[in-house]
Amino acid sequence: MITVVGTGTGAPVADEVLAAARLVVGGRRHLAAATLPDGAEQIVLGPLAPALDTIAAYVEKDEPVVVLASGDPGFFGIVRALAERFGADALDVRPAVSSVATAFARLGLTWDDAVVVSAHGRDLRTAVNACRAHPKVAVLTGPGAGPAELGAALTHRTTGRVLVVASALGSGEEQVERLTLAEAAARDWGTAVSVVLCLDESRGSDGVRTVAGAAVGPAQWALDERKFEHRDSMITKFEVRALALARIGPRLGELVWDIGSGSGSVAVECARLGAAVTAVEKTRDGVERIRANAEAHGVDVHIVHGAAPTVLSDLDDPDAVFVGGGGRELPAIVTACARRARRTVVVAMAALDRVPAVREALGGAGFAVDGVLLQSSRLAPLPGDVTRLAATNPVFLLWGVRPPASVEGVAQ
């Protein structure tokens, strides 16, 4: 049996658990805080594979093993790796309170509406995008992905956020500090950080929850144009927007660009579906409309005032891009977006003449290209309580999808 014990924010490890151990595995601070039996081998956790091999040797000899971990080892912890290697039946898991639960408890906040992201040994960009999109996020940190890196990545990309850095939770050196993004970015945090909370305190709780984590997705998408402020019907029609959203695939942890955003209808819908969103718009009145529409729908959209492709060089690499404007610059804009997009680029255009150049730009970037011409007719009333069909303007929708094997080659 492998006994996995959570430490740090719960009760101390029971003496009888450690007394029989022939092998004790854990972080340096966990081992230093425990009363270890004489003659037991100790392994300081670093690379996981060698530790698992040593555990396997003791399991084969039927000798007891104790693994010390932080908080709840079944929550983004070592239980997953142990269960995959040895089977869940071989584990006796004794959790303590997780660092996430403890950090929120220190602030007197509920966390059933929090998004929890691990950046330990993982790409920080997923945590950054979750923090940009959601008002309450807990980030489990790691080397190169701590409060300084998180603060630096979020500065100038979002507003109204504070970071709460919880260090050495459950110990005599415990600290819980509230900082601005810039303050967190300027500090050297060492290795004692337990968890970082990213909070938008201007956005309240969703009330009584039934499902934990991110808010339940919207009941509707591809909203009617009347749900958005727009100028002279200059807005992506809901029929086009429905297919565009299906091809963009906005989701939690990803970043979407909306280029030539106009009213921001696509940007807002992507944000409602959980993605972090950057909207690029060259007109000042367009910027104000995007901001008003984002506020009206309760989402956070990062708005960049400027013309593509010039302003794109200062933006974080996107997972997906929607291009809804561009004029004569459209091929150059699509080319610039295709070089940076990790997954897909979707382009809407009314002009037939621009279709070949957009296809060439997408194909030249290595994307698999497809598209449709969308023509729809809506029900419209006529005098005498009868109905006619009112045709909308046809729109070409083209999309390129990056083959999975080439995703790793995209600029990070």
Protein backbone atom coordinates (compact mmCIF):
# COMPACT_ATOMS: atom_id res chain seq x y z
CA MET A 1 0.00 0.00 0.00
CA ILE A 2 1.17 3.52 -0.85
CA THR A 3 -0.09 6.03 1.69
CA VAL A 4 -0.40 9.53 0.21
CA VAL A 5 -0.64 12.19 2.90
CA GLY A 6 -1.62 15.80 2.38
CA THR A 7 0.32 18.20 4.58
CA GLY A 8 0.82 21.90 5.08
CA THR A 9 -2.69 23.25 5.59
CA GLY A 10 -4.31 20.40 7.52
CA ALA A 11 -3.49 18.18 10.47
CA PRO A 12 0.09 16.93 10.98
CA VAL A 13 1.01 13.52 9.63
CA ALA A 14 0.03 10.81 12.11
CA ASP A 15 3.09 9.20 13.70
CA GLU A 16 1.80 5.69 13.11
CA VAL A 17 1.60 6.36 9.36
CA LEU A 18 5.27 7.28 9.17
CA ALA A 19 6.49 4.78 11.74
CA ALA A 20 6.01 1.77 9.48
CA ALA A 21 7.31 3.39 6.29
CA ARG A 22 10.34 1.92 4.55
CA LEU A 23 10.34 4.67 1.91
CA VAL A 24 9.24 8.30 2.38
CA VAL A 25 8.89 10.54 -0.68
CA GLY A 26 8.15 14.25 -0.61
CA GLY A 27 9.30 17.77 -1.16
CA ARG A 28 12.27 19.00 0.84
CA ARG A 29 10.08 21.07 3.19
CA HIS A 30 7.65 18.18 3.71
CA LEU A 31 10.46 15.81 4.70
CA ALA A 32 12.04 18.41 6.99
CA ALA A 33 8.75 18.92 8.85
CA ALA A 34 7.99 15.21 9.36
CA THR A 35 9.27 12.80 12.01
CA LEU A 36 10.88 10.15 9.83
CA PRO A 37 11.57 6.61 11.05
CA ASP A 38 15.14 5.41 11.44
CA GLY A 39 16.34 3.38 8.51
CA ALA A 40 13.69 4.57 6.04
CA GLU A 41 14.95 5.71 2.66
CA GLN A 42 14.09 9.31 1.75
CA ILE A 43 13.58 10.72 -1.72
CA VAL A 44 13.30 14.45 -2.32
CA LEU A 45 10.82 14.95 -5.14
CA GLY A 46 12.27 16.46 -8.28
CA PRO A 47 11.77 14.71 -11.61
CA LEU A 48 8.83 12.37 -11.10
CA ALA A 49 9.91 9.36 -13.18
CA PRO A 50 12.90 8.31 -11.00
CA ALA A 51 10.77 8.63 -7.84
CA LEU A 52 8.05 6.43 -9.35
CA ASP A 53 10.65 3.81 -10.31
CA THR A 54 11.95 3.71 -6.73
CA ILE A 55 8.42 3.45 -5.35
CA ALA A 56 7.80 0.55 -7.75
CA ALA A 57 10.80 -1.32 -6.35
CA TYR A 58 9.40 -1.05 -2.80
CA VAL A 59 5.89 -2.00 -3.94
CA GLU A 60 7.29 -5.16 -5.59
CA LYS A 61 8.88 -6.10 -2.24
CA ASP A 62 5.57 -5.36 -0.46
CA GLU A 63 7.24 -2.73 1.74
CA PRO A 64 5.19 0.28 2.90
CA VAL A 65 5.66 3.65 1.15
CA VAL A 66 4.55 7.09 2.32
CA VAL A 67 4.28 10.01 -0.09
CA LEU A 68 4.02 13.48 1.44
CA ALA A 69 2.31 16.19 -0.63
CA SER A 70 0.83 19.65 -0.18
CA GLY A 71 -2.81 20.08 0.75
CA ASP A 72 -5.09 17.76 -1.20
CA PRO A 73 -2.88 15.46 -3.31
CA GLY A 74 -5.87 14.46 -5.42
CA PHE A 75 -6.37 18.03 -6.62
CA PHE A 76 -3.79 18.74 -9.38
CA GLY A 77 -1.48 16.55 -7.30
CA ILE A 78 0.60 13.40 -7.29
CA VAL A 79 -2.37 11.04 -6.90
CA ARG A 80 -2.97 11.08 -10.65
CA ALA A 81 0.56 9.90 -11.49
CA LEU A 82 0.53 7.28 -8.73
CA ALA A 83 -2.87 5.92 -9.77
CA GLU A 84 -1.80 5.70 -13.42
CA ARG A 85 1.35 3.79 -12.47
CA PHE A 86 0.13 1.57 -9.62
CA GLY A 87 -3.68 1.66 -9.78
CA ALA A 88 -6.09 3.47 -7.49
CA ASP A 89 -6.57 0.33 -5.34
CA ALA A 90 -2.93 0.56 -4.25
CA LEU A 91 -3.40 4.03 -2.74
CA ASP A 92 -4.51 5.14 0.71
CA VAL A 93 -5.06 8.88 0.21
CA ARG A 94 -5.36 11.10 3.27
CA PRO A 95 -6.00 14.66 2.06
CA ALA A 96 -5.57 17.90 3.94
CA VAL A 97 -7.24 21.18 2.99
CA SER A 98 -6.13 22.28 -0.49
CA SER A 99 -4.11 25.46 -0.88
CA VAL A 100 -6.89 26.91 -3.04
CA ALA A 101 -9.53 26.38 -0.35
CA THR A 102 -7.19 27.76 2.30
CA ALA A 103 -6.32 30.89 0.30
CA PHE A 104 -9.97 31.75 -0.30
CA ALA A 105 -10.75 31.02 3.35
CA ARG A 106 -8.09 33.52 4.43
CA LEU A 107 -9.97 36.17 2.44
CA GLY A 108 -13.42 35.08 3.61
CA LEU A 109 -14.48 34.35 0.03
CA THR A 110 -16.43 31.48 -1.45
CA TRP A 111 -14.69 29.62 -4.26
CA ASP A 112 -17.39 27.49 -5.84
CA ASP A 113 -17.48 30.14 -8.59
CA ALA A 114 -13.71 30.21 -9.08
CA VAL A 115 -11.79 28.84 -12.05
CA VAL A 116 -8.75 26.85 -10.90
CA VAL A 117 -5.79 26.57 -13.29
CA SER A 118 -2.46 24.83 -12.77
CA ALA A 119 0.62 26.52 -14.21
CA HIS A 120 2.98 24.10 -12.46
CA GLY A 121 4.99 22.45 -15.22
CA ARG A 122 2.54 23.80 -17.79
CA ASP A 123 2.32 26.68 -20.27
CA LEU A 124 1.43 29.87 -18.39
CA ARG A 125 -0.70 31.17 -21.29
CA THR A 126 -3.73 29.05 -20.28
CA ALA A 127 -3.72 30.60 -16.80
CA VAL A 128 -3.23 34.09 -18.26
CA ASN A 129 -6.17 33.69 -20.62
CA ALA A 130 -8.39 32.35 -17.83
CA CYS A 131 -7.46 35.36 -15.68
CA ARG A 132 -8.30 37.72 -18.54
CA ALA A 133 -11.70 36.15 -19.12
CA HIS A 134 -12.98 35.40 -15.61
CA PRO A 135 -13.38 37.50 -12.46
CA LYS A 136 -12.19 34.89 -9.94
CA VAL A 137 -9.28 32.59 -10.81
CA ALA A 138 -6.90 30.56 -8.65
CA VAL A 139 -3.52 29.76 -10.23
CA LEU A 140 -1.32 26.97 -8.87
CA THR A 141 2.19 28.21 -9.56
CA GLY A 142 5.53 26.67 -10.43
CA PRO A 143 9.06 27.64 -11.47
CA GLY A 144 8.86 30.28 -14.19
CA ALA A 145 5.11 30.57 -13.70
CA GLY A 146 4.70 32.49 -10.46
CA PRO A 147 3.19 35.82 -9.37
CA ALA A 148 5.85 37.89 -11.17
CA GLU A 149 5.32 36.17 -14.51
CA LEU A 150 1.54 36.22 -14.13
CA GLY A 151 1.51 39.90 -13.20
CA ALA A 152 3.77 40.81 -16.11
CA ALA A 153 1.67 38.84 -18.60
CA LEU A 154 -1.58 40.48 -17.43
CA THR A 155 -0.31 44.07 -17.22
CA HIS A 156 -1.72 46.15 -20.12
CA ARG A 157 -3.85 43.16 -21.20
CA THR A 158 -6.66 43.57 -18.69
CA THR A 159 -7.95 46.08 -16.17
CA GLY A 160 -9.41 45.99 -12.69
CA ARG A 161 -7.52 42.90 -11.53
CA VAL A 162 -5.68 42.41 -8.25
CA LEU A 163 -3.46 39.49 -7.35
CA VAL A 164 -3.57 37.83 -3.94
CA VAL A 165 -0.37 35.87 -3.35
CA ALA A 166 -0.59 33.20 -0.67
CA SER A 167 2.78 31.86 0.48
CA ALA A 168 3.78 29.06 2.89
CA LEU A 169 0.15 28.36 3.80
CA GLY A 170 -0.26 26.48 7.06
CA SER A 171 3.23 27.27 8.30
CA GLY A 172 4.64 29.80 10.72
CA GLU A 173 5.85 31.86 7.74
CA GLU A 174 2.43 32.10 6.11
CA GLN A 175 1.74 35.32 4.20
CA VAL A 176 -1.28 36.45 2.21
CA GLU A 177 -0.62 39.67 0.26
CA ARG A 178 -2.88 41.75 -2.01
CA LEU A 179 -1.02 43.49 -4.86
CA THR A 180 -1.52 45.23 -8.16
CA LEU A 181 -0.35 43.44 -11.29
CA ALA A 182 2.66 45.75 -11.56
CA GLU A 183 3.63 45.22 -7.91
CA ALA A 184 3.51 41.44 -8.32
CA ALA A 185 5.57 41.65 -11.52
CA ALA A 186 8.33 43.61 -9.78
CA ARG A 187 8.95 41.11 -6.94
CA ASP A 188 11.23 38.10 -6.62
CA TRP A 189 8.94 35.55 -5.00
CA GLY A 190 11.22 32.59 -4.38
CA THR A 191 9.74 29.13 -3.91
CA ALA A 192 7.31 29.57 -0.99
CA VAL A 193 4.25 30.63 -3.05
CA SER A 194 1.34 28.23 -2.58
CA VAL A 195 -1.29 29.76 -4.86
CA VAL A 196 -2.13 33.06 -6.59
CA LEU A 197 -5.68 34.41 -6.79
CA CYS A 198 -6.54 36.79 -9.63
CA LEU A 199 -9.66 38.78 -8.75
CA ASP A 200 -11.84 41.35 -10.48
CA GLU A 201 -13.48 42.74 -7.38
CA SER A 202 -15.83 44.98 -9.38
CA ARG A 203 -17.74 41.95 -10.65
CA GLY A 204 -19.93 40.31 -8.05
CA SER A 205 -20.76 36.70 -7.38
CA ASP A 206 -23.23 34.78 -9.55
CA GLY A 207 -25.35 34.07 -6.47
CA VAL A 208 -26.32 30.56 -5.40
CA ARG A 209 -24.40 28.04 -7.52
CA THR A 210 -25.38 24.57 -8.68
CA VAL A 211 -22.29 23.82 -10.77
CA ALA A 212 -18.82 24.72 -9.49
CA GLY A 213 -16.18 26.47 -11.56
CA ALA A 214 -16.68 28.82 -14.49
CA ALA A 215 -20.14 30.20 -15.01
CA VAL A 216 -22.47 27.95 -16.96
CA GLY A 217 -22.30 28.88 -20.65
CA PRO A 218 -24.87 31.17 -22.21
CA ALA A 219 -28.30 29.75 -23.02
CA GLN A 220 -28.13 31.40 -26.45
CA TRP A 221 -25.44 32.53 -28.84
CA ALA A 222 -25.50 34.04 -32.31
CA LEU A 223 -27.63 36.74 -30.72
CA ASP A 224 -29.95 38.96 -32.70
CA GLU A 225 -28.32 42.16 -33.98
CA ARG A 226 -30.71 44.16 -31.79
CA LYS A 227 -28.75 42.91 -28.76
CA PHE A 228 -25.78 45.07 -29.82
CA GLU A 229 -25.18 48.73 -30.50
CA HIS A 230 -24.10 49.13 -34.11
CA ARG A 231 -23.89 51.73 -36.87
CA ASP A 232 -26.03 51.50 -40.01
CA SER A 233 -26.37 47.72 -39.76
CA MET A 234 -22.56 47.37 -39.86
CA ILE A 235 -22.56 44.21 -37.80
CA THR A 236 -21.92 40.53 -38.47
CA LYS A 237 -25.39 39.09 -39.02
CA PHE A 238 -26.43 36.35 -36.62
CA GLU A 239 -26.56 33.65 -39.33
CA VAL A 240 -22.95 34.38 -40.26
CA ARG A 241 -21.96 34.76 -36.63
CA ALA A 242 -23.41 31.34 -35.77
CA LEU A 243 -21.17 29.52 -38.26
CA ALA A 244 -18.21 31.76 -37.45
CA LEU A 245 -18.48 30.88 -33.76
CA ALA A 246 -18.70 27.19 -34.63
CA ARG A 247 -15.47 27.45 -36.64
CA ILE A 248 -13.67 29.69 -34.11
CA GLY A 249 -14.51 27.36 -31.22
CA PRO A 250 -13.96 29.88 -28.38
CA ARG A 251 -13.26 28.18 -25.04
CA LEU A 252 -11.81 28.61 -21.59
CA GLY A 253 -8.04 29.14 -21.49
CA GLU A 254 -7.74 30.33 -25.09
CA LEU A 255 -7.28 33.76 -26.69
CA VAL A 256 -9.33 34.97 -29.66
CA TRP A 257 -8.61 38.02 -31.83
CA ASP A 258 -11.53 39.87 -33.44
CA ILE A 259 -9.98 42.00 -36.20
CA GLY A 260 -11.99 44.89 -37.62
CA SER A 261 -14.33 44.31 -34.73
CA GLY A 262 -16.85 47.07 -35.56
CA SER A 263 -19.62 46.62 -33.02
CA GLY A 264 -17.73 43.83 -31.24
CA SER A 265 -20.53 41.28 -31.68
CA VAL A 266 -18.14 38.40 -32.41
CA ALA A 267 -15.75 39.50 -29.64
CA VAL A 268 -18.56 39.66 -27.09
CA GLU A 269 -19.96 36.28 -28.10
CA CYS A 270 -16.52 34.65 -27.83
CA ALA A 271 -16.10 36.15 -24.37
CA ARG A 272 -19.57 34.91 -23.34
CA LEU A 273 -18.40 31.40 -24.32
CA GLY A 274 -15.40 31.64 -21.97
CA ALA A 275 -12.46 32.78 -24.10
CA ALA A 276 -10.14 35.71 -23.48
CA VAL A 277 -10.69 38.18 -26.32
CA THR A 278 -8.79 41.04 -27.93
CA ALA A 279 -10.81 43.25 -30.28
CA VAL A 280 -8.94 45.41 -32.79
CA GLU A 281 -10.83 48.40 -34.21
CA LYS A 282 -9.46 51.41 -36.10
CA THR A 283 -12.32 53.89 -35.49
CA ARG A 284 -12.80 55.71 -32.22
CA ASP A 285 -16.59 55.43 -32.30
CA GLY A 286 -16.21 51.69 -32.99
CA VAL A 287 -14.03 51.32 -29.90
CA GLU A 288 -16.71 52.97 -27.78
CA ARG A 289 -19.40 50.70 -29.22
CA ILE A 290 -17.34 47.58 -28.46
CA ARG A 291 -16.81 48.79 -24.90
CA ALA A 292 -20.52 49.50 -24.44
CA ASN A 293 -21.54 46.12 -25.85
CA ALA A 294 -19.04 44.26 -23.66
CA GLU A 295 -20.33 46.05 -20.56
CA ALA A 296 -23.93 45.38 -21.53
CA HIS A 297 -23.24 41.64 -21.76
CA GLY A 298 -21.06 41.50 -18.63
CA VAL A 299 -17.85 40.33 -20.29
CA ASP A 300 -14.27 41.58 -20.38
CA VAL A 301 -12.92 42.38 -23.85
CA HIS A 302 -9.46 43.88 -24.30
CA ILE A 303 -9.86 46.60 -26.95
CA VAL A 304 -6.99 47.85 -29.11
CA HIS A 305 -7.54 51.09 -31.03
CA GLY A 306 -5.57 50.87 -34.25
CA ALA A 307 -5.34 49.46 -37.73
CA ALA A 308 -4.38 45.89 -38.57
CA PRO A 309 -1.94 44.51 -39.45
CA THR A 310 0.22 47.28 -37.89
CA VAL A 311 -0.98 46.88 -34.29
CA LEU A 312 -0.91 43.08 -34.27
CA SER A 313 2.80 42.81 -33.43
CA ASP A 314 2.15 44.01 -29.87
CA LEU A 315 -0.53 41.39 -29.13
CA ASP A 316 -0.18 37.97 -27.53
CA ASP A 317 -0.39 35.07 -29.97
CA PRO A 318 -4.01 33.96 -30.46
CA ASP A 319 -5.48 30.50 -30.60
CA ALA A 320 -8.15 31.61 -33.06
CA VAL A 321 -8.80 34.73 -35.13
CA PHE A 322 -11.92 36.21 -36.67
CA VAL A 323 -11.40 38.80 -39.41
CA GLY A 324 -14.52 40.79 -40.19
CA GLY A 325 -13.01 43.88 -41.72
CA GLY A 326 -9.95 44.95 -43.61
CA GLY A 327 -10.81 46.40 -47.01
CA ARG A 328 -7.91 46.39 -49.42
CA GLU A 329 -5.58 45.36 -46.62
CA LEU A 330 -7.51 42.13 -46.07
CA PRO A 331 -4.96 39.72 -47.65
CA ALA A 332 -2.11 41.28 -45.65
CA ILE A 333 -4.18 41.12 -42.45
CA VAL A 334 -5.08 37.46 -43.02
CA THR A 335 -1.44 36.62 -43.75
CA ALA A 336 -0.30 38.30 -40.53
CA CYS A 337 -3.01 36.53 -38.51
CA ALA A 338 -2.28 33.14 -40.08
CA ARG A 339 1.39 33.39 -39.09
CA ARG A 340 0.43 33.82 -35.44
CA ALA A 341 -2.74 31.76 -34.94
CA ARG A 342 -2.22 28.47 -33.14
CA ARG A 343 -5.40 26.82 -34.33
CA THR A 344 -7.66 28.60 -36.82
CA VAL A 345 -8.46 31.79 -38.75
CA VAL A 346 -12.02 32.60 -39.87
CA VAL A 347 -12.69 35.37 -42.39
CA ALA A 348 -16.01 36.96 -43.36
CA MET A 349 -16.25 39.11 -46.49
CA ALA A 350 -18.88 40.41 -48.86
CA ALA A 351 -16.64 40.97 -51.91
CA LEU A 352 -16.20 38.05 -54.28
CA ASP A 353 -12.98 39.57 -55.63
CA ARG A 354 -11.20 39.11 -52.29
CA VAL A 355 -11.94 35.40 -51.91
CA PRO A 356 -8.99 34.10 -54.00
CA ALA A 357 -6.43 36.25 -52.15
CA VAL A 358 -7.76 35.17 -48.75
CA ARG A 359 -7.68 31.50 -49.76
CA GLU A 360 -4.11 31.93 -50.95
CA ALA A 361 -3.10 33.65 -47.70
CA LEU A 362 -4.56 30.87 -45.58
CA GLY A 363 -3.20 28.08 -47.73
CA GLY A 364 0.22 29.70 -47.91
CA ALA A 365 0.40 29.64 -44.10
CA GLY A 366 -0.10 25.87 -44.09
CA PHE A 367 -3.79 25.86 -43.19
CA ALA A 368 -6.37 23.46 -44.55
CA VAL A 369 -8.86 25.84 -46.17
CA ASP A 370 -12.62 25.57 -46.57
CA GLY A 371 -15.54 27.94 -46.88
CA VAL A 372 -19.14 28.64 -47.84
CA LEU A 373 -21.30 31.35 -49.33
CA LEU A 374 -24.06 32.14 -46.85
CA GLN A 375 -27.36 33.42 -48.22
CA SER A 376 -30.37 33.67 -45.96
CA SER A 377 -33.88 35.06 -46.08
CA ARG A 378 -35.67 36.15 -42.96
CA LEU A 379 -39.38 36.19 -42.25
CA ALA A 380 -40.75 39.73 -42.64
CA PRO A 381 -44.35 40.95 -42.15
CA LEU A 382 -46.49 42.40 -44.91
CA PRO A 383 -49.74 44.34 -44.61
CA GLY A 384 -52.74 42.09 -44.29
CA ASP A 385 -51.18 39.81 -41.69
CA VAL A 386 -49.10 37.93 -44.25
CA THR A 387 -45.38 37.20 -44.38
CA ARG A 388 -42.69 37.47 -47.00
CA LEU A 389 -39.04 36.42 -47.16
CA ALA A 390 -36.53 39.29 -46.94
CA ALA A 391 -33.12 38.38 -48.36
CA THR A 392 -29.97 39.42 -46.50
CA ASN A 393 -26.74 40.24 -48.32
CA PRO A 394 -24.69 37.16 -49.21
CA VAL A 395 -21.46 36.72 -47.25
CA PHE A 396 -18.45 34.52 -47.93
CA LEU A 397 -17.08 32.76 -44.87
CA LEU A 398 -13.66 31.16 -45.27
CA TRP A 399 -11.69 29.39 -42.60
CA GLY A 400 -8.29 27.81 -42.29
CA VAL A 401 -7.41 25.13 -39.76
CA ARG A 402 -3.82 24.45 -38.79
CA PRO A 403 -2.95 20.74 -38.97
CA PRO A 404 -2.35 19.39 -35.42
CA ALA A 405 1.22 18.32 -36.18
CA SER A 406 2.22 21.91 -37.00
CA VAL A 407 0.74 23.60 -33.93
CA GLU A 408 3.97 23.18 -31.94
CA GLY A 409 5.82 25.13 -34.60
CA VAL A 410 3.76 28.29 -34.14
CA ALA A 411 5.63 31.18 -32.47
CA GLN A 412 5.14 31.12 -28.70
